[in-house]
Amino acid sequence: MVARCAEHPFFSYDDWFIGSTELTLGILDE
């Protein structure tokens, strides 16, 4: 698991980060 700061807007285009935003299309639930 990864804990990332909510107030910091962007960390990566990879799924581990984008999956924690509203843009979850194409990202596995796990």
PDB file of all heavy atoms in Angstrom:
ATOM      1  N   MET A   1       0.808  -1.216   0.000  1.00  0.00           N
ATOM      2  CA  MET A   1       0.000   0.000   0.000  1.00  0.00           C
ATOM      3  C   MET A   1       0.846   1.272   0.000  1.00  0.00           C
ATOM      4  O   MET A   1       1.983   1.286   0.482  1.00  0.00           O
ATOM      5  CB  MET A   1      -0.958  -0.003   1.198  1.00  0.00           C
ATOM      6  CG  MET A   1      -2.020  -1.088   1.122  1.00  0.00           C
ATOM      7  SD  MET A   1      -3.241  -0.994   2.466  1.00  0.00           S
ATOM      8  CE  MET A   1      -4.169   0.466   1.959  1.00  0.00           C
ATOM      9  N   VAL A   2       0.245   2.328  -0.563  1.00  0.00           N
ATOM     10  CA  VAL A   2       0.899   3.628  -0.665  1.00  0.00           C
ATOM     11  C   VAL A   2       0.015   4.679  -0.006  1.00  0.00           C
ATOM     12  O   VAL A   2      -1.198   4.726  -0.257  1.00  0.00           O
ATOM     13  CB  VAL A   2       1.130   4.021  -2.142  1.00  0.00           C
ATOM     14  CG1 VAL A   2       1.718   5.420  -2.248  1.00  0.00           C
ATOM     15  CG2 VAL A   2       2.021   2.999  -2.835  1.00  0.00           C
ATOM     16  N   ALA A   3       0.602   5.519   0.837  1.00  0.00           N
ATOM     17  CA  ALA A   3      -0.103   6.676   1.394  1.00  0.00           C
ATOM     18  C   ALA A   3       0.457   7.916   0.715  1.00  0.00           C
ATOM     19  O   ALA A   3       1.662   8.148   0.735  1.00  0.00           O
ATOM     20  CB  ALA A   3       0.102   6.765   2.904  1.00  0.00           C
ATOM     21  N   ARG A   4      -0.428   8.679   0.081  1.00  0.00           N
ATOM     22  CA  ARG A   4       0.035   9.880  -0.628  1.00  0.00           C
ATOM     23  C   ARG A   4      -0.751  11.093  -0.148  1.00  0.00           C
ATOM     24  O   ARG A   4      -1.905  11.006   0.254  1.00  0.00           O
ATOM     25  CB  ARG A   4      -0.061   9.698  -2.139  1.00  0.00           C
ATOM     26  CG  ARG A   4      -1.467   9.590  -2.717  1.00  0.00           C
ATOM     27  CD  ARG A   4      -1.941  10.922  -3.252  1.00  0.00           C
ATOM     28  NE  ARG A   4      -3.212  10.846  -3.955  1.00  0.00           N
ATOM     29  CZ  ARG A   4      -3.921  11.902  -4.324  1.00  0.00           C
ATOM     30  NH1 ARG A   4      -3.508  13.119  -4.037  1.00  0.00           N
ATOM     31  NH2 ARG A   4      -5.062  11.767  -4.960  1.00  0.00           N
ATOM     32  N   CYS A   5      -0.086  12.241  -0.189  1.00  0.00           N
ATOM     33  CA  CYS A   5      -0.687  13.475   0.326  1.00  0.00           C
ATOM     34  C   CYS A   5      -1.784  13.970  -0.611  1.00  0.00           C
ATOM     35  O   CYS A   5      -1.554  14.161  -1.810  1.00  0.00           O
ATOM     36  CB  CYS A   5       0.386  14.537   0.494  1.00  0.00           C
ATOM     37  SG  CYS A   5      -0.223  16.038   1.294  1.00  0.00           S
ATOM     38  N   ALA A   6      -2.972  14.204  -0.062  1.00  0.00           N
ATOM     39  CA  ALA A   6      -4.131  14.593  -0.860  1.00  0.00           C
ATOM     40  C   ALA A   6      -3.995  15.994  -1.444  1.00  0.00           C
ATOM     41  O   ALA A   6      -4.538  16.276  -2.522  1.00  0.00           O
ATOM     42  CB  ALA A   6      -5.397  14.504  -0.006  1.00  0.00           C
ATOM     43  N   GLU A   7      -3.302  16.883  -0.748  1.00  0.00           N
ATOM     44  CA  GLU A   7      -3.204  18.268  -1.198  1.00  0.00           C
ATOM     45  C   GLU A   7      -2.172  18.481  -2.301  1.00  0.00           C
ATOM     46  O   GLU A   7      -2.120  19.556  -2.901  1.00  0.00           O
ATOM     47  CB  GLU A   7      -2.878  19.195  -0.022  1.00  0.00           C
ATOM     48  CG  GLU A   7      -4.049  19.475   0.892  1.00  0.00           C
ATOM     49  CD  GLU A   7      -4.401  18.304   1.800  1.00  0.00           C
ATOM     50  OE1 GLU A   7      -3.502  17.481   2.094  1.00  0.00           O
ATOM     51  OE2 GLU A   7      -5.566  18.208   2.215  1.00  0.00           O
ATOM     52  N   HIS A   8      -1.361  17.479  -2.558  1.00  0.00           N
ATOM     53  CA  HIS A   8      -0.333  17.621  -3.575  1.00  0.00           C
ATOM     54  C   HIS A   8      -0.859  17.037  -4.877  1.00  0.00           C
ATOM     55  O   HIS A   8      -1.171  15.854  -4.955  1.00  0.00           O
ATOM     56  CB  HIS A   8       0.961  16.957  -3.115  1.00  0.00           C
ATOM     57  CG  HIS A   8       1.501  17.589  -1.869  1.00  0.00           C
ATOM     58  ND1 HIS A   8       2.471  17.006  -1.078  1.00  0.00           N
ATOM     59  CD2 HIS A   8       1.191  18.765  -1.263  1.00  0.00           C
ATOM     60  CE1 HIS A   8       2.740  17.809  -0.054  1.00  0.00           C
ATOM     61  NE2 HIS A   8       1.965  18.875  -0.151  1.00  0.00           N
ATOM     62  N   PRO A   9      -0.991  17.885  -5.915  1.00  0.00           N
ATOM     63  CA  PRO A   9      -1.874  17.576  -7.036  1.00  0.00           C
ATOM     64  C   PRO A   9      -1.443  16.462  -7.967  1.00  0.00           C
ATOM     65  O   PRO A   9      -2.281  15.816  -8.592  1.00  0.00           O
ATOM     66  CB  PRO A   9      -1.949  18.909  -7.797  1.00  0.00           C
ATOM     67  CG  PRO A   9      -0.686  19.621  -7.433  1.00  0.00           C
ATOM     68  CD  PRO A   9      -0.398  19.229  -6.027  1.00  0.00           C
ATOM     69  N   PHE A  10      -0.146  16.214  -8.117  1.00  0.00           N
ATOM     70  CA  PHE A  10       0.259  15.236  -9.129  1.00  0.00           C
ATOM     71  C   PHE A  10       1.565  14.556  -8.743  1.00  0.00           C
ATOM     72  O   PHE A  10       2.553  15.225  -8.431  1.00  0.00           O
ATOM     73  CB  PHE A  10       0.430  15.932 -10.488  1.00  0.00           C
ATOM     74  CG  PHE A  10       0.657  14.968 -11.618  1.00  0.00           C
ATOM     75  CD1 PHE A  10      -0.396  14.287 -12.181  1.00  0.00           C
ATOM     76  CD2 PHE A  10       1.932  14.747 -12.109  1.00  0.00           C
ATOM     77  CE1 PHE A  10      -0.195  13.379 -13.229  1.00  0.00           C
ATOM     78  CE2 PHE A  10       2.152  13.851 -13.156  1.00  0.00           C
ATOM     79  CZ  PHE A  10       1.078  13.170 -13.714  1.00  0.00           C
ATOM     80  N   PHE A  11       1.550  13.235  -8.788  1.00  0.00           N
ATOM     81  CA  PHE A  11       2.760  12.473  -8.529  1.00  0.00           C
ATOM     82  C   PHE A  11       3.205  11.649  -9.733  1.00  0.00           C
ATOM     83  O   PHE A  11       4.398  11.460  -9.940  1.00  0.00           O
ATOM     84  CB  PHE A  11       2.566  11.534  -7.327  1.00  0.00           C
ATOM     85  CG  PHE A  11       2.514  12.249  -6.002  1.00  0.00           C
ATOM     86  CD1 PHE A  11       1.317  12.447  -5.348  1.00  0.00           C
ATOM     87  CD2 PHE A  11       3.665  12.736  -5.413  1.00  0.00           C
ATOM     88  CE1 PHE A  11       1.262  13.104  -4.122  1.00  0.00           C
ATOM     89  CE2 PHE A  11       3.636  13.395  -4.188  1.00  0.00           C
ATOM     90  CZ  PHE A  11       2.425  13.584  -3.549  1.00  0.00           C
ATOM     91  N   SER A  12       2.246  11.127 -10.501  1.00  0.00           N
ATOM     92  CA  SER A  12       2.612  10.238 -11.598  1.00  0.00           C
ATOM     93  C   SER A  12       1.421  10.002 -12.514  1.00  0.00           C
ATOM     94  O   SER A  12       0.266  10.094 -12.084  1.00  0.00           O
ATOM     95  CB  SER A  12       3.102   8.891 -11.045  1.00  0.00           C
ATOM     96  OG  SER A  12       3.375   7.972 -12.083  1.00  0.00           O
ATOM     97  N   TYR A  13       1.694   9.683 -13.769  1.00  0.00           N
ATOM     98  CA  TYR A  13       0.612   9.245 -14.658  1.00  0.00           C
ATOM     99  C   TYR A  13       0.306   7.768 -14.483  1.00  0.00           C
ATOM    100  O   TYR A  13      -0.622   7.236 -15.094  1.00  0.00           O
ATOM    101  CB  TYR A  13       0.933   9.545 -16.133  1.00  0.00           C
ATOM    102  CG  TYR A  13       2.259   9.014 -16.650  1.00  0.00           C
ATOM    103  CD1 TYR A  13       2.585   7.655 -16.602  1.00  0.00           C
ATOM    104  CD2 TYR A  13       3.183   9.882 -17.216  1.00  0.00           C
ATOM    105  CE1 TYR A  13       3.779   7.178 -17.094  1.00  0.00           C
ATOM    106  CE2 TYR A  13       4.390   9.417 -17.712  1.00  0.00           C
ATOM    107  CZ  TYR A  13       4.677   8.061 -17.652  1.00  0.00           C
ATOM    108  OH  TYR A  13       5.884   7.590 -18.132  1.00  0.00           O
ATOM    109  N   ASP A  14       1.079   7.064 -13.661  1.00  0.00           N
ATOM    110  CA  ASP A  14       0.876   5.638 -13.457  1.00  0.00           C
ATOM    111  C   ASP A  14      -0.318   5.355 -12.557  1.00  0.00           C
ATOM    112  O   ASP A  14      -0.773   6.202 -11.786  1.00  0.00           O
ATOM    113  CB  ASP A  14       2.144   5.006 -12.883  1.00  0.00           C
ATOM    114  CG  ASP A  14       3.248   4.910 -13.934  1.00  0.00           C
ATOM    115  OD1 ASP A  14       2.985   4.357 -15.007  1.00  0.00           O
ATOM    116  OD2 ASP A  14       4.361   5.401 -13.671  1.00  0.00           O
ATOM    117  N   ASP A  15      -0.806   4.124 -12.633  1.00  0.00           N
ATOM    118  CA  ASP A  15      -2.071   3.757 -12.005  1.00  0.00           C
ATOM    119  C   ASP A  15      -2.073   3.897 -10.490  1.00  0.00           C
ATOM    120  O   ASP A  15      -3.115   4.201  -9.894  1.00  0.00           O
ATOM    121  CB  ASP A  15      -2.438   2.306 -12.373  1.00  0.00           C
ATOM    122  CG  ASP A  15      -2.821   2.160 -13.837  1.00  0.00           C
ATOM    123  OD1 ASP A  15      -2.877   3.189 -14.539  1.00  0.00           O
ATOM    124  OD2 ASP A  15      -3.052   1.016 -14.277  1.00  0.00           O
ATOM    125  N   TRP A  16      -0.925   3.677  -9.843  1.00  0.00           N
ATOM    126  CA  TRP A  16      -0.908   3.743  -8.375  1.00  0.00           C
ATOM    127  C   TRP A  16      -1.349   5.114  -7.877  1.00  0.00           C
ATOM    128  O   TRP A  16      -1.948   5.224  -6.809  1.00  0.00           O
ATOM    129  CB  TRP A  16       0.484   3.399  -7.824  1.00  0.00           C
ATOM    130  CG  TRP A  16       1.545   4.425  -8.108  1.00  0.00           C
ATOM    131  CD1 TRP A  16       2.419   4.429  -9.150  1.00  0.00           C
ATOM    132  CD2 TRP A  16       1.844   5.605  -7.348  1.00  0.00           C
ATOM    133  NE1 TRP A  16       3.239   5.537  -9.093  1.00  0.00           N
ATOM    134  CE2 TRP A  16       2.913   6.273  -8.003  1.00  0.00           C
ATOM    135  CE3 TRP A  16       1.322   6.170  -6.186  1.00  0.00           C
ATOM    136  CZ2 TRP A  16       3.459   7.469  -7.530  1.00  0.00           C
ATOM    137  CZ3 TRP A  16       1.863   7.361  -5.720  1.00  0.00           C
ATOM    138  CH2 TRP A  16       2.913   7.990  -6.374  1.00  0.00           C
ATOM    139  N   PHE A  17      -1.059   6.179  -8.681  1.00  0.00           N
ATOM    140  CA  PHE A  17      -1.502   7.513  -8.294  1.00  0.00           C
ATOM    141  C   PHE A  17      -2.839   7.886  -8.935  1.00  0.00           C
ATOM    142  O   PHE A  17      -3.758   8.332  -8.244  1.00  0.00           O
ATOM    143  CB  PHE A  17      -0.460   8.572  -8.667  1.00  0.00           C
ATOM    144  CG  PHE A  17      -1.001   9.972  -8.543  1.00  0.00           C
ATOM    145  CD1 PHE A  17      -1.260  10.525  -7.300  1.00  0.00           C
ATOM    146  CD2 PHE A  17      -1.324  10.720  -9.668  1.00  0.00           C
ATOM    147  CE1 PHE A  17      -1.808  11.792  -7.171  1.00  0.00           C
ATOM    148  CE2 PHE A  17      -1.861  11.995  -9.557  1.00  0.00           C
ATOM    149  CZ  PHE A  17      -2.103  12.531  -8.306  1.00  0.00           C
ATOM    150  N   ILE A  18      -2.961   7.756 -10.243  1.00  0.00           N
ATOM    151  CA  ILE A  18      -4.178   8.181 -10.935  1.00  0.00           C
ATOM    152  C   ILE A  18      -5.401   7.459 -10.372  1.00  0.00           C
ATOM    153  O   ILE A  18      -6.496   8.026 -10.308  1.00  0.00           O
ATOM    154  CB  ILE A  18      -4.057   7.948 -12.450  1.00  0.00           C
ATOM    155  CG1 ILE A  18      -2.916   8.798 -13.032  1.00  0.00           C
ATOM    156  CG2 ILE A  18      -5.353   8.287 -13.164  1.00  0.00           C
ATOM    157  CD1 ILE A  18      -3.124  10.292 -12.895  1.00  0.00           C
ATOM    158  N   GLY A  19      -5.231   6.230  -9.917  1.00  0.00           N
ATOM    159  CA  GLY A  19      -6.338   5.490  -9.317  1.00  0.00           C
ATOM    160  C   GLY A  19      -6.870   6.119  -8.047  1.00  0.00           C
ATOM    161  O   GLY A  19      -7.978   5.793  -7.605  1.00  0.00           O
ATOM    162  N   SER A  20      -6.097   7.022  -7.451  1.00  0.00           N
ATOM    163  CA  SER A  20      -6.551   7.699  -6.230  1.00  0.00           C
ATOM    164  C   SER A  20      -7.214   9.036  -6.544  1.00  0.00           C
ATOM    165  O   SER A  20      -7.574   9.775  -5.637  1.00  0.00           O
ATOM    166  CB  SER A  20      -5.371   7.918  -5.270  1.00  0.00           C
ATOM    167  OG  SER A  20      -4.437   8.842  -5.810  1.00  0.00           O
ATOM    168  N   THR A  21      -7.384   9.332  -7.839  1.00  0.00           N
ATOM    169  CA  THR A  21      -8.088  10.541  -8.266  1.00  0.00           C
ATOM    170  C   THR A  21      -9.453  10.144  -8.826  1.00  0.00           C
ATOM    171  O   THR A  21      -9.842   8.971  -8.786  1.00  0.00           O
ATOM    172  CB  THR A  21      -7.293  11.301  -9.340  1.00  0.00           C
ATOM    173  OG1 THR A  21      -7.364  10.596 -10.595  1.00  0.00           O
ATOM    174  CG2 THR A  21      -5.832  11.453  -8.935  1.00  0.00           C
ATOM    175  N   GLU A  22     -10.155  11.108  -9.380  1.00  0.00           N
ATOM    176  CA  GLU A  22     -11.444  10.817 -10.009  1.00  0.00           C
ATOM    177  C   GLU A  22     -11.303  10.031 -11.310  1.00  0.00           C
ATOM    178  O   GLU A  22     -12.257   9.405 -11.771  1.00  0.00           O
ATOM    179  CB  GLU A  22     -12.190  12.127 -10.306  1.00  0.00           C
ATOM    180  CG  GLU A  22     -12.736  12.841  -9.084  1.00  0.00           C
ATOM    181  CD  GLU A  22     -13.616  14.009  -9.475  1.00  0.00           C
ATOM    182  OE1 GLU A  22     -13.123  14.895 -10.184  1.00  0.00           O
ATOM    183  OE2 GLU A  22     -14.795  14.014  -9.079  1.00  0.00           O
ATOM    184  N   LEU A  23     -10.129  10.042 -11.889  1.00  0.00           N
ATOM    185  CA  LEU A  23      -9.926   9.454 -13.221  1.00  0.00           C
ATOM    186  C   LEU A  23      -9.527   7.988 -13.115  1.00  0.00           C
ATOM    187  O   LEU A  23      -8.365   7.621 -13.287  1.00  0.00           O
ATOM    188  CB  LEU A  23      -8.857  10.257 -13.971  1.00  0.00           C
ATOM    189  CG  LEU A  23      -9.148  11.754 -14.100  1.00  0.00           C
ATOM    190  CD1 LEU A  23      -7.988  12.485 -14.743  1.00  0.00           C
ATOM    191  CD2 LEU A  23     -10.414  11.974 -14.907  1.00  0.00           C
ATOM    192  N   THR A  24     -10.492   7.135 -12.856  1.00  0.00           N
ATOM    193  CA  THR A  24     -10.220   5.719 -12.593  1.00  0.00           C
ATOM    194  C   THR A  24     -10.492   4.813 -13.795  1.00  0.00           C
ATOM    195  O   THR A  24     -10.317   3.601 -13.692  1.00  0.00           O
ATOM    196  CB  THR A  24     -11.069   5.232 -11.409  1.00  0.00           C
ATOM    197  OG1 THR A  24     -12.459   5.485 -11.686  1.00  0.00           O
ATOM    198  CG2 THR A  24     -10.671   5.950 -10.121  1.00  0.00           C
ATOM    199  N   LEU A  25     -10.902   5.379 -14.922  1.00  0.00           N
ATOM    200  CA  LEU A  25     -11.188   4.574 -16.100  1.00  0.00           C
ATOM    201  C   LEU A  25      -9.936   3.817 -16.549  1.00  0.00           C
ATOM    202  O   LEU A  25      -8.865   4.396 -16.711  1.00  0.00           O
ATOM    203  CB  LEU A  25     -11.685   5.476 -17.243  1.00  0.00           C
ATOM    204  CG  LEU A  25     -12.127   4.782 -18.532  1.00  0.00           C
ATOM    205  CD1 LEU A  25     -13.344   3.903 -18.286  1.00  0.00           C
ATOM    206  CD2 LEU A  25     -12.422   5.815 -19.623  1.00  0.00           C
ATOM    207  N   GLY A  26     -10.069   2.498 -16.710  1.00  0.00           N
ATOM    208  CA  GLY A  26      -8.958   1.681 -17.161  1.00  0.00           C
ATOM    209  C   GLY A  26      -8.031   1.202 -16.065  1.00  0.00           C
ATOM    210  O   GLY A  26      -7.013   0.557 -16.359  1.00  0.00           O
ATOM    211  N   ILE A  27      -8.349   1.482 -14.816  1.00  0.00           N
ATOM    212  CA  ILE A  27      -7.486   1.104 -13.693  1.00  0.00           C
ATOM    213  C   ILE A  27      -8.162   0.019 -12.867  1.00  0.00           C
ATOM    214  O   ILE A  27      -9.356   0.101 -12.561  1.00  0.00           O
ATOM    215  CB  ILE A  27      -7.169   2.334 -12.812  1.00  0.00           C
ATOM    216  CG1 ILE A  27      -6.484   3.411 -13.656  1.00  0.00           C
ATOM    217  CG2 ILE A  27      -6.268   1.938 -11.636  1.00  0.00           C
ATOM    218  CD1 ILE A  27      -6.219   4.697 -12.914  1.00  0.00           C
ATOM    219  N   LEU A  28      -7.413  -1.013 -12.499  1.00  0.00           N
ATOM    220  CA  LEU A  28      -7.957  -2.149 -11.750  1.00  0.00           C
ATOM    221  C   LEU A  28      -8.371  -1.729 -10.339  1.00  0.00           C
ATOM    222  O   LEU A  28      -7.719  -0.901  -9.705  1.00  0.00           O
ATOM    223  CB  LEU A  28      -6.914  -3.260 -11.661  1.00  0.00           C
ATOM    224  CG  LEU A  28      -6.437  -3.864 -12.998  1.00  0.00           C
ATOM    225  CD1 LEU A  28      -5.342  -4.887 -12.747  1.00  0.00           C
ATOM    226  CD2 LEU A  28      -7.599  -4.505 -13.756  1.00  0.00           C
ATOM    227  N   ASP A  29      -9.467  -2.322  -9.856  1.00  0.00           N
ATOM    228  CA  ASP A  29      -9.971  -2.015  -8.515  1.00  0.00           C
ATOM    229  C   ASP A  29      -8.910  -2.268  -7.447  1.00  0.00           C
ATOM    230  O   ASP A  29      -8.797  -1.519  -6.478  1.00  0.00           O
ATOM    231  CB  ASP A  29     -11.222  -2.837  -8.213  1.00  0.00           C
ATOM    232  CG  ASP A  29     -12.441  -2.361  -8.991  1.00  0.00           C
ATOM    233  OD1 ASP A  29     -12.414  -1.209  -9.472  1.00  0.00           O
ATOM    234  OD2 ASP A  29     -13.407  -3.131  -9.123  1.00  0.00           O
ATOM    235  N   GLU A  30      -8.149  -3.340  -7.605  1.00  0.00           N
ATOM    236  CA  GLU A  30      -7.123  -3.674  -6.621  1.00  0.00           C
ATOM    237  C   GLU A  30      -6.079  -2.566  -6.517  1.00  0.00           C
ATOM    238  O   GLU A  30      -5.616  -2.228  -5.426  1.00  0.00           O
ATOM    239  CB  GLU A  30      -6.439  -4.992  -7.008  1.00  0.00           C
ATOM    240  CG  GLU A  30      -5.371  -5.437  -6.008  1.00  0.00           C
ATOM    241  CD  GLU A  30      -4.693  -6.732  -6.408  1.00  0.00           C
ATOM    242  OE1 GLU A  30      -5.110  -7.335  -7.421  1.00  0.00           O
ATOM    243  OE2 GLU A  30      -3.754  -7.136  -5.713  1.00  0.00           O
TER     244      GLU A  30
END
